[in-house]
Amino acid sequence: MRQERVFCYNPSLMTKITITRWPADAGQITINKVRARLEQEGLRPYRFDMVPGDVYGDHTHPEAETRWVVSGRMRVSVGSEELILEPGDRLDLAANVVHSADVAGDEVVVALCASRE
């Protein structure tokens, strides 16, 4: 089982992106569990689905963003770094960071998203 940990592939990106793994002791990941955790942080999560073939080219968000993958695999690129988010992976992305995203594989991605102002 995967352990909860925070890591970043490139330390110079640490202020831009953080990935947190679903805690092993939290049981199976479900959309309701993820929603509850984000709401406990004072966020208003919304469901975001991506189907195979969906591609979001380079873009930014004016607020810090959170993406928590519930099912499927999402590829996120920040600069020259490519990250594959799997079920249970949470991505926290700072405001105004240029990034892109697409589906990694042939399964629909279901994620909960929220913004920090």
Protein backbone atom coordinates (compact mmCIF):
# COMPACT_ATOMS: atom_id res chain seq x y z
CA MET A 1 0.00 0.00 0.00
CA ARG A 2 1.17 3.53 -0.75
CA GLN A 3 2.16 5.65 2.21
CA GLU A 4 1.17 9.25 2.74
CA ARG A 5 4.03 11.52 1.81
CA VAL A 6 4.70 14.81 0.16
CA PHE A 7 7.20 14.98 -2.64
CA CYS A 8 8.19 16.95 -5.67
CA TYR A 9 10.26 15.59 -8.54
CA ASN A 10 12.29 18.79 -8.76
CA PRO A 11 13.10 20.72 -5.56
CA SER A 12 13.12 24.01 -7.49
CA LEU A 13 9.41 23.45 -8.18
CA MET A 14 8.51 22.82 -4.52
CA THR A 15 7.03 26.30 -4.11
CA LYS A 16 4.96 25.75 -7.27
CA ILE A 17 3.65 22.20 -6.88
CA THR A 18 3.13 19.69 -4.11
CA ILE A 19 1.85 16.15 -4.44
CA THR A 20 0.38 14.31 -1.48
CA ARG A 21 -0.54 10.62 -1.48
CA TRP A 22 -3.77 9.25 -0.02
CA PRO A 23 -3.06 8.02 3.54
CA ALA A 24 -2.82 4.22 3.75
CA ASP A 25 -4.82 4.22 6.99
CA ALA A 26 -7.72 6.17 5.39
CA GLY A 27 -9.08 3.13 3.56
CA GLN A 28 -10.28 3.10 -0.02
CA ILE A 29 -10.42 6.48 -1.71
CA THR A 30 -13.93 7.65 -2.55
CA ILE A 31 -15.26 10.89 -3.94
CA ASN A 32 -17.17 11.50 -0.68
CA LYS A 33 -14.04 11.08 1.47
CA VAL A 34 -12.08 13.47 -0.73
CA ARG A 35 -14.93 16.00 -0.73
CA ALA A 36 -15.12 15.86 3.09
CA ARG A 37 -11.36 16.43 3.46
CA LEU A 38 -11.39 19.42 1.11
CA GLU A 39 -14.43 20.89 2.83
CA GLN A 40 -12.65 20.52 6.20
CA GLU A 41 -10.01 22.84 4.73
CA GLY A 42 -12.70 25.40 3.97
CA LEU A 43 -12.68 24.67 0.23
CA ARG A 44 -15.66 24.17 -2.07
CA PRO A 45 -14.73 21.22 -4.24
CA TYR A 46 -16.32 20.42 -7.56
CA ARG A 47 -16.14 17.30 -9.70
CA PHE A 48 -13.93 17.47 -12.79
CA ASP A 49 -13.96 14.64 -15.34
CA MET A 50 -11.57 14.12 -18.24
CA VAL A 51 -12.13 11.53 -20.96
CA PRO A 52 -9.35 9.94 -22.99
CA GLY A 53 -8.32 12.41 -25.65
CA ASP A 54 -9.00 15.49 -23.51
CA VAL A 55 -6.02 17.83 -23.60
CA TYR A 56 -5.66 21.12 -21.74
CA GLY A 57 -2.67 22.97 -23.22
CA ASP A 58 -0.46 25.38 -21.32
CA HIS A 59 -2.54 27.65 -19.10
CA THR A 60 -2.59 29.26 -15.65
CA HIS A 61 -5.11 29.92 -12.89
CA PRO A 62 -5.18 33.21 -10.95
CA GLU A 63 -5.68 31.31 -7.67
CA ALA A 64 -3.88 28.33 -6.17
CA GLU A 65 -5.54 25.11 -7.37
CA THR A 66 -6.04 21.66 -5.88
CA ARG A 67 -6.72 18.54 -7.96
CA TRP A 68 -7.38 15.26 -6.13
CA VAL A 69 -7.65 12.23 -8.43
CA VAL A 70 -10.32 9.70 -7.44
CA SER A 71 -10.01 7.40 -10.48
CA GLY A 72 -8.04 7.23 -13.70
CA ARG A 73 -4.61 8.70 -14.39
CA MET A 74 -3.91 12.35 -15.19
CA ARG A 75 -0.69 13.64 -16.71
CA VAL A 76 0.28 17.16 -15.61
CA SER A 77 3.26 19.00 -17.06
CA VAL A 78 4.91 21.95 -15.33
CA GLY A 79 7.88 23.28 -17.27
CA SER A 80 9.98 20.27 -18.24
CA GLU A 81 8.55 18.11 -15.44
CA GLU A 82 5.86 15.54 -16.21
CA LEU A 83 3.82 14.12 -13.34
CA ILE A 84 1.39 11.20 -13.50
CA LEU A 85 -1.36 11.51 -10.91
CA GLU A 86 -3.06 8.26 -9.93
CA PRO A 87 -6.07 7.57 -7.71
CA GLY A 88 -5.40 9.14 -4.31
CA ASP A 89 -2.84 11.65 -5.56
CA ARG A 90 -3.45 15.27 -4.64
CA LEU A 91 -1.81 18.06 -6.60
CA ASP A 92 -1.57 21.52 -5.06
CA LEU A 93 -0.52 24.06 -7.66
CA ALA A 94 0.44 27.65 -6.83
CA ALA A 95 -1.34 30.54 -8.55
CA ASN A 96 -0.16 31.59 -12.00
CA VAL A 97 1.96 28.49 -12.66
CA VAL A 98 1.95 27.54 -16.33
CA HIS A 99 0.90 23.91 -16.69
CA SER A 100 -0.90 21.51 -19.01
CA ALA A 101 -2.91 18.34 -18.42
CA ASP A 102 -4.26 15.33 -20.28
CA VAL A 103 -5.49 11.81 -19.63
CA ALA A 104 -2.73 9.21 -19.20
CA GLY A 105 -4.26 6.00 -20.45
CA ASP A 106 -7.69 4.97 -21.65
CA GLU A 107 -9.70 5.41 -18.45
CA VAL A 108 -11.87 8.41 -17.57
CA VAL A 109 -10.27 10.62 -14.92
CA VAL A 110 -12.51 11.67 -12.04
CA ALA A 111 -11.05 14.34 -9.78
CA LEU A 112 -12.26 16.84 -7.24
CA CYS A 113 -10.93 20.34 -7.70
CA ALA A 114 -10.93 23.49 -5.61
CA SER A 115 -9.29 26.94 -5.66
CA ARG A 116 -7.57 28.90 -2.93
CA GLU A 117 -7.96 32.65 -3.14
